[in-house]
Amino acid sequence: MGNLVIQRMQPKALAAAMELFTQTVYAGNAAEAQAHLADHADGRGDTLLAYVDEQFAGFVTIRWQSNNPRFRAENIPFIHHLEVFDPFQRQGVASRLLDEAEQLIATRATKAGITVGLFTAYGAAQRLYAKRGYVPDGRGVCQGQRPLQFSENVTIDHDLLLWLTKDLI
């Protein structure tokens, strides 16, 4: 891997970030990019950007108040979106992004929260989060925020997940 730099997106650079996310993350969908970054202007969200040799390699977004009522009640910031683009995967970029995100979260809270999907595409994330000390929050498998019940039938998709937490102290 080349030179890795992690930068915290600054509110004054929101317009440039919107353009970057529209082009690289959301395939030309400005509305999705705007929705992703909507809470950044007022400080309710933060994004860390990773660059390898000055190429945008990935990012991690933190929601300071999760939509998960339990996380919100317990002041557990939510690592909402971690993504490393294909050419930069398996080079430690995701780990460095999480290092920086956890350090930033630790300035405001004692725990970090994250979710992970349950099908094959999430295998690398499942291993990474377990190695980093994230543990299930005890509610079992959820569809979105709703814990599933015994013998319930569901579709395996991106909403089938585990909510995880990590102690930062």
C-alpha atoms as a PDB file:
ATOM      1  CA  MET A   1       0.000   0.000   0.000  1.00  0.00           C
ATOM      2  CA  GLY A   2       1.103   3.528  -0.700  1.00  0.00           C
ATOM      3  CA  ASN A   3       0.888   6.538   1.580  1.00  0.00           C
ATOM      4  CA  LEU A   4      -2.391   6.387   3.587  1.00  0.00           C
ATOM      5  CA  VAL A   5      -3.852   9.640   4.890  1.00  0.00           C
ATOM      6  CA  ILE A   6      -7.064   9.876   6.937  1.00  0.00           C
ATOM      7  CA  GLN A   7      -8.804  13.259   6.963  1.00  0.00           C
ATOM      8  CA  ARG A   8     -11.801  14.389   8.971  1.00  0.00           C
ATOM      9  CA  MET A   9     -14.275  16.048   6.651  1.00  0.00           C
ATOM     10  CA  GLN A  10     -14.698  19.662   7.655  1.00  0.00           C
ATOM     11  CA  PRO A  11     -18.119  21.390   7.494  1.00  0.00           C
ATOM     12  CA  LYS A  12     -16.663  24.082   5.202  1.00  0.00           C
ATOM     13  CA  ALA A  13     -15.780  21.313   2.704  1.00  0.00           C
ATOM     14  CA  LEU A  14     -19.313  19.901   2.629  1.00  0.00           C
ATOM     15  CA  ALA A  15     -19.978  20.972  -0.966  1.00  0.00           C
ATOM     16  CA  ALA A  16     -16.788  19.291  -2.196  1.00  0.00           C
ATOM     17  CA  ALA A  17     -17.624  16.164  -0.196  1.00  0.00           C
ATOM     18  CA  MET A  18     -21.129  16.137  -1.690  1.00  0.00           C
ATOM     19  CA  GLU A  19     -19.621  16.124  -5.167  1.00  0.00           C
ATOM     20  CA  LEU A  20     -17.091  13.432  -4.220  1.00  0.00           C
ATOM     21  CA  PHE A  21     -19.814  11.190  -2.742  1.00  0.00           C
ATOM     22  CA  THR A  22     -22.169  11.801  -5.678  1.00  0.00           C
ATOM     23  CA  GLN A  23     -19.484  10.666  -8.126  1.00  0.00           C
ATOM     24  CA  THR A  24     -17.759   7.848  -6.234  1.00  0.00           C
ATOM     25  CA  VAL A  25     -20.111   6.430  -3.608  1.00  0.00           C
ATOM     26  CA  TYR A  26     -23.612   6.936  -4.998  1.00  0.00           C
ATOM     27  CA  ALA A  27     -23.015   6.576  -8.768  1.00  0.00           C
ATOM     28  CA  GLY A  28     -24.320   9.984  -9.753  1.00  0.00           C
ATOM     29  CA  ASN A  29     -27.242  10.066  -7.299  1.00  0.00           C
ATOM     30  CA  ALA A  30     -26.901  13.491  -5.682  1.00  0.00           C
ATOM     31  CA  ALA A  31     -30.003  12.944  -3.525  1.00  0.00           C
ATOM     32  CA  GLU A  32     -28.431   9.903  -1.847  1.00  0.00           C
ATOM     33  CA  ALA A  33     -25.161  11.756  -1.312  1.00  0.00           C
ATOM     34  CA  GLN A  34     -27.060  14.673   0.206  1.00  0.00           C
ATOM     35  CA  ALA A  35     -29.009  12.329   2.502  1.00  0.00           C
ATOM     36  CA  HIS A  36     -25.766  10.670   3.624  1.00  0.00           C
ATOM     37  CA  LEU A  37     -24.148  13.992   4.526  1.00  0.00           C
ATOM     38  CA  ALA A  38     -27.253  15.909   5.667  1.00  0.00           C
ATOM     39  CA  ASP A  39     -26.405  15.818   9.375  1.00  0.00           C
ATOM     40  CA  HIS A  40     -22.816  16.992   8.923  1.00  0.00           C
ATOM     41  CA  ALA A  41     -23.513  20.730   8.697  1.00  0.00           C
ATOM     42  CA  ASP A  42     -24.942  20.823  12.220  1.00  0.00           C
ATOM     43  CA  GLY A  43     -22.425  18.436  13.785  1.00  0.00           C
ATOM     44  CA  ARG A  44     -24.728  15.414  14.188  1.00  0.00           C
ATOM     45  CA  GLY A  45     -22.518  13.400  11.827  1.00  0.00           C
ATOM     46  CA  ASP A  46     -18.845  13.105  10.967  1.00  0.00           C
ATOM     47  CA  THR A  47     -17.043  11.402   8.111  1.00  0.00           C
ATOM     48  CA  LEU A  48     -13.406  10.399   7.910  1.00  0.00           C
ATOM     49  CA  LEU A  49     -11.975  10.109   4.406  1.00  0.00           C
ATOM     50  CA  ALA A  50      -9.116   7.782   3.480  1.00  0.00           C
ATOM     51  CA  TYR A  51      -6.711   8.608   0.664  1.00  0.00           C
ATOM     52  CA  VAL A  52      -3.978   6.307  -0.629  1.00  0.00           C
ATOM     53  CA  ASP A  53      -1.409   8.191  -2.684  1.00  0.00           C
ATOM     54  CA  GLU A  54      -3.971  11.017  -2.945  1.00  0.00           C
ATOM     55  CA  GLN A  55      -6.661   8.699  -4.380  1.00  0.00           C
ATOM     56  CA  PHE A  56      -9.991   8.475  -2.511  1.00  0.00           C
ATOM     57  CA  ALA A  57      -9.832   4.972  -1.033  1.00  0.00           C
ATOM     58  CA  GLY A  58     -12.735   4.829   1.411  1.00  0.00           C
ATOM     59  CA  PHE A  59     -14.546   6.443   4.304  1.00  0.00           C
ATOM     60  CA  VAL A  60     -16.312   5.882   7.594  1.00  0.00           C
ATOM     61  CA  THR A  61     -19.316   7.880   8.785  1.00  0.00           C
ATOM     62  CA  ILE A  62     -20.293   8.387  12.426  1.00  0.00           C
ATOM     63  CA  ARG A  63     -23.809   9.292  13.561  1.00  0.00           C
ATOM     64  CA  TRP A  64     -23.458  10.889  16.974  1.00  0.00           C
ATOM     65  CA  GLN A  65     -27.044   9.965  17.836  1.00  0.00           C
ATOM     66  CA  SER A  66     -28.121   6.629  16.441  1.00  0.00           C
ATOM     67  CA  ASN A  67     -31.634   5.925  15.165  1.00  0.00           C
ATOM     68  CA  ASN A  68     -31.466   2.842  17.409  1.00  0.00           C
ATOM     69  CA  PRO A  69     -33.371   3.923  20.562  1.00  0.00           C
ATOM     70  CA  ARG A  70     -31.180   1.775  22.827  1.00  0.00           C
ATOM     71  CA  PHE A  71     -27.948   3.219  21.432  1.00  0.00           C
ATOM     72  CA  ARG A  72     -29.374   6.738  21.663  1.00  0.00           C
ATOM     73  CA  ALA A  73     -30.498   6.224  25.289  1.00  0.00           C
ATOM     74  CA  GLU A  74     -27.068   4.859  26.240  1.00  0.00           C
ATOM     75  CA  ASN A  75     -25.145   7.564  24.305  1.00  0.00           C
ATOM     76  CA  ILE A  76     -23.554   5.043  21.942  1.00  0.00           C
ATOM     77  CA  PRO A  77     -22.470   6.780  18.719  1.00  0.00           C
ATOM     78  CA  PHE A  78     -23.100   4.672  15.646  1.00  0.00           C
ATOM     79  CA  ILE A  79     -20.516   3.848  13.003  1.00  0.00           C
ATOM     80  CA  HIS A  80     -23.036   4.092  10.210  1.00  0.00           C
ATOM     81  CA  HIS A  81     -21.120   3.362   7.044  1.00  0.00           C
ATOM     82  CA  LEU A  82     -17.640   1.959   6.521  1.00  0.00           C
ATOM     83  CA  GLU A  83     -16.560   1.440   2.947  1.00  0.00           C
ATOM     84  CA  VAL A  84     -13.205   0.788   1.310  1.00  0.00           C
ATOM     85  CA  PHE A  85     -13.191   0.696  -2.473  1.00  0.00           C
ATOM     86  CA  ASP A  86     -12.106  -2.530  -4.209  1.00  0.00           C
ATOM     87  CA  PRO A  87      -8.578  -1.526  -5.303  1.00  0.00           C
ATOM     88  CA  PHE A  88      -7.717  -0.590  -1.700  1.00  0.00           C
ATOM     89  CA  GLN A  89      -9.238  -3.525   0.182  1.00  0.00           C
ATOM     90  CA  ARG A  90      -7.154  -5.949   2.260  1.00  0.00           C
ATOM     91  CA  GLN A  91      -4.464  -3.311   2.798  1.00  0.00           C
ATOM     92  CA  GLY A  92      -5.406  -2.128   6.292  1.00  0.00           C
ATOM     93  CA  VAL A  93      -7.456   0.881   5.186  1.00  0.00           C
ATOM     94  CA  ALA A  94     -10.630  -0.237   6.994  1.00  0.00           C
ATOM     95  CA  SER A  95      -8.670  -0.892  10.192  1.00  0.00           C
ATOM     96  CA  ARG A  96      -7.087   2.561  10.074  1.00  0.00           C
ATOM     97  CA  LEU A  97     -10.461   4.185   9.415  1.00  0.00           C
ATOM     98  CA  LEU A  98     -11.921   2.345  12.404  1.00  0.00           C
ATOM     99  CA  ASP A  99      -8.911   3.311  14.557  1.00  0.00           C
ATOM    100  CA  GLU A 100      -9.539   6.971  13.791  1.00  0.00           C
ATOM    101  CA  ALA A 101     -13.325   6.672  14.194  1.00  0.00           C
ATOM    102  CA  GLU A 102     -12.968   4.961  17.576  1.00  0.00           C
ATOM    103  CA  GLN A 103     -10.507   7.624  18.755  1.00  0.00           C
ATOM    104  CA  LEU A 104     -12.923  10.354  17.717  1.00  0.00           C
ATOM    105  CA  ILE A 105     -15.879   8.609  19.360  1.00  0.00           C
ATOM    106  CA  ALA A 106     -13.868   8.167  22.569  1.00  0.00           C
ATOM    107  CA  THR A 107     -13.739  11.966  22.903  1.00  0.00           C
ATOM    108  CA  ARG A 108     -17.519  11.916  23.503  1.00  0.00           C
ATOM    109  CA  ALA A 109     -18.530   8.416  24.608  1.00  0.00           C
ATOM    110  CA  THR A 110     -17.275   5.217  26.238  1.00  0.00           C
ATOM    111  CA  LYS A 111     -18.761   2.830  23.632  1.00  0.00           C
ATOM    112  CA  ALA A 112     -19.051   2.644  19.876  1.00  0.00           C
ATOM    113  CA  GLY A 113     -21.825   0.885  17.988  1.00  0.00           C
ATOM    114  CA  ILE A 114     -21.886  -0.689  14.538  1.00  0.00           C
ATOM    115  CA  THR A 115     -23.997  -3.161  12.565  1.00  0.00           C
ATOM    116  CA  VAL A 116     -22.971  -6.030  10.362  1.00  0.00           C
ATOM    117  CA  GLY A 117     -24.970  -7.935   7.794  1.00  0.00           C
ATOM    118  CA  LEU A 118     -25.353 -11.694   7.951  1.00  0.00           C
ATOM    119  CA  PHE A 119     -24.768 -12.957   4.423  1.00  0.00           C
ATOM    120  CA  THR A 120     -21.595 -13.750   2.506  1.00  0.00           C
ATOM    121  CA  ALA A 121     -20.845 -10.217   1.336  1.00  0.00           C
ATOM    122  CA  TYR A 122     -20.323  -9.223   4.984  1.00  0.00           C
ATOM    123  CA  GLY A 123     -17.900 -12.029   5.848  1.00  0.00           C
ATOM    124  CA  ALA A 124     -14.800  -9.814   5.908  1.00  0.00           C
ATOM    125  CA  ALA A 125     -16.587  -7.189   8.023  1.00  0.00           C
ATOM    126  CA  GLN A 126     -17.792  -9.868  10.473  1.00  0.00           C
ATOM    127  CA  ARG A 127     -14.216 -11.054  10.986  1.00  0.00           C
ATOM    128  CA  LEU A 128     -12.807  -7.525  11.225  1.00  0.00           C
ATOM    129  CA  TYR A 129     -15.334  -6.369  13.827  1.00  0.00           C
ATOM    130  CA  ALA A 130     -14.867  -9.508  15.937  1.00  0.00           C
ATOM    131  CA  LYS A 131     -11.069  -9.108  15.864  1.00  0.00           C
ATOM    132  CA  ARG A 132     -11.473  -5.483  16.962  1.00  0.00           C
ATOM    133  CA  GLY A 133     -13.569  -6.433  19.998  1.00  0.00           C
ATOM    134  CA  TYR A 134     -17.104  -5.665  18.813  1.00  0.00           C
ATOM    135  CA  VAL A 135     -19.690  -7.941  20.432  1.00  0.00           C
ATOM    136  CA  PRO A 136     -23.423  -8.411  19.796  1.00  0.00           C
ATOM    137  CA  ASP A 137     -25.649  -6.172  21.897  1.00  0.00           C
ATOM    138  CA  GLY A 138     -27.646  -9.185  23.119  1.00  0.00           C
ATOM    139  CA  ARG A 139     -30.816  -8.772  21.057  1.00  0.00           C
ATOM    140  CA  GLY A 140     -29.875 -11.394  18.489  1.00  0.00           C
ATOM    141  CA  VAL A 141     -30.462 -11.068  14.775  1.00  0.00           C
ATOM    142  CA  CYS A 142     -32.511  -8.031  13.788  1.00  0.00           C
ATOM    143  CA  GLN A 143     -34.333  -6.920  10.696  1.00  0.00           C
ATOM    144  CA  GLY A 144     -33.309  -3.307  10.819  1.00  0.00           C
ATOM    145  CA  GLN A 145     -33.836  -2.437  14.469  1.00  0.00           C
ATOM    146  CA  ARG A 146     -36.442  -5.128  15.178  1.00  0.00           C
ATOM    147  CA  PRO A 147     -35.184  -8.290  16.909  1.00  0.00           C
ATOM    148  CA  LEU A 148     -36.411 -11.440  15.197  1.00  0.00           C
ATOM    149  CA  GLN A 149     -38.402 -14.115  16.975  1.00  0.00           C
ATOM    150  CA  PHE A 150     -37.927 -17.888  16.943  1.00  0.00           C
ATOM    151  CA  SER A 151     -39.269 -19.525  13.733  1.00  0.00           C
ATOM    152  CA  GLU A 152     -39.890 -16.180  12.035  1.00  0.00           C
ATOM    153  CA  ASN A 153     -39.294 -16.218   8.260  1.00  0.00           C
ATOM    154  CA  VAL A 154     -37.364 -13.337   6.739  1.00  0.00           C
ATOM    155  CA  THR A 155     -35.604 -12.424   3.531  1.00  0.00           C
ATOM    156  CA  ILE A 156     -31.827 -12.392   3.676  1.00  0.00           C
ATOM    157  CA  ASP A 157     -30.921  -8.873   2.619  1.00  0.00           C
ATOM    158  CA  HIS A 158     -28.949  -5.824   3.816  1.00  0.00           C
ATOM    159  CA  ASP A 159     -31.458  -5.216   6.638  1.00  0.00           C
ATOM    160  CA  LEU A 160     -30.766  -8.587   8.297  1.00  0.00           C
ATOM    161  CA  LEU A 161     -28.049  -7.744  10.789  1.00  0.00           C
ATOM    162  CA  LEU A 162     -26.480  -7.813  14.214  1.00  0.00           C
ATOM    163  CA  TRP A 163     -26.058  -4.673  16.303  1.00  0.00           C
ATOM    164  CA  LEU A 164     -22.610  -4.672  17.892  1.00  0.00           C
ATOM    165  CA  THR A 165     -20.877  -2.536  20.531  1.00  0.00           C
ATOM    166  CA  LYS A 166     -17.317  -2.048  21.695  1.00  0.00           C
ATOM    167  CA  ASP A 167     -16.074  -0.600  24.961  1.00  0.00           C
ATOM    168  CA  LEU A 168     -13.594   2.168  24.213  1.00  0.00           C
ATOM    169  CA  ILE A 169     -12.168   2.586  27.715  1.00  0.00           C
END
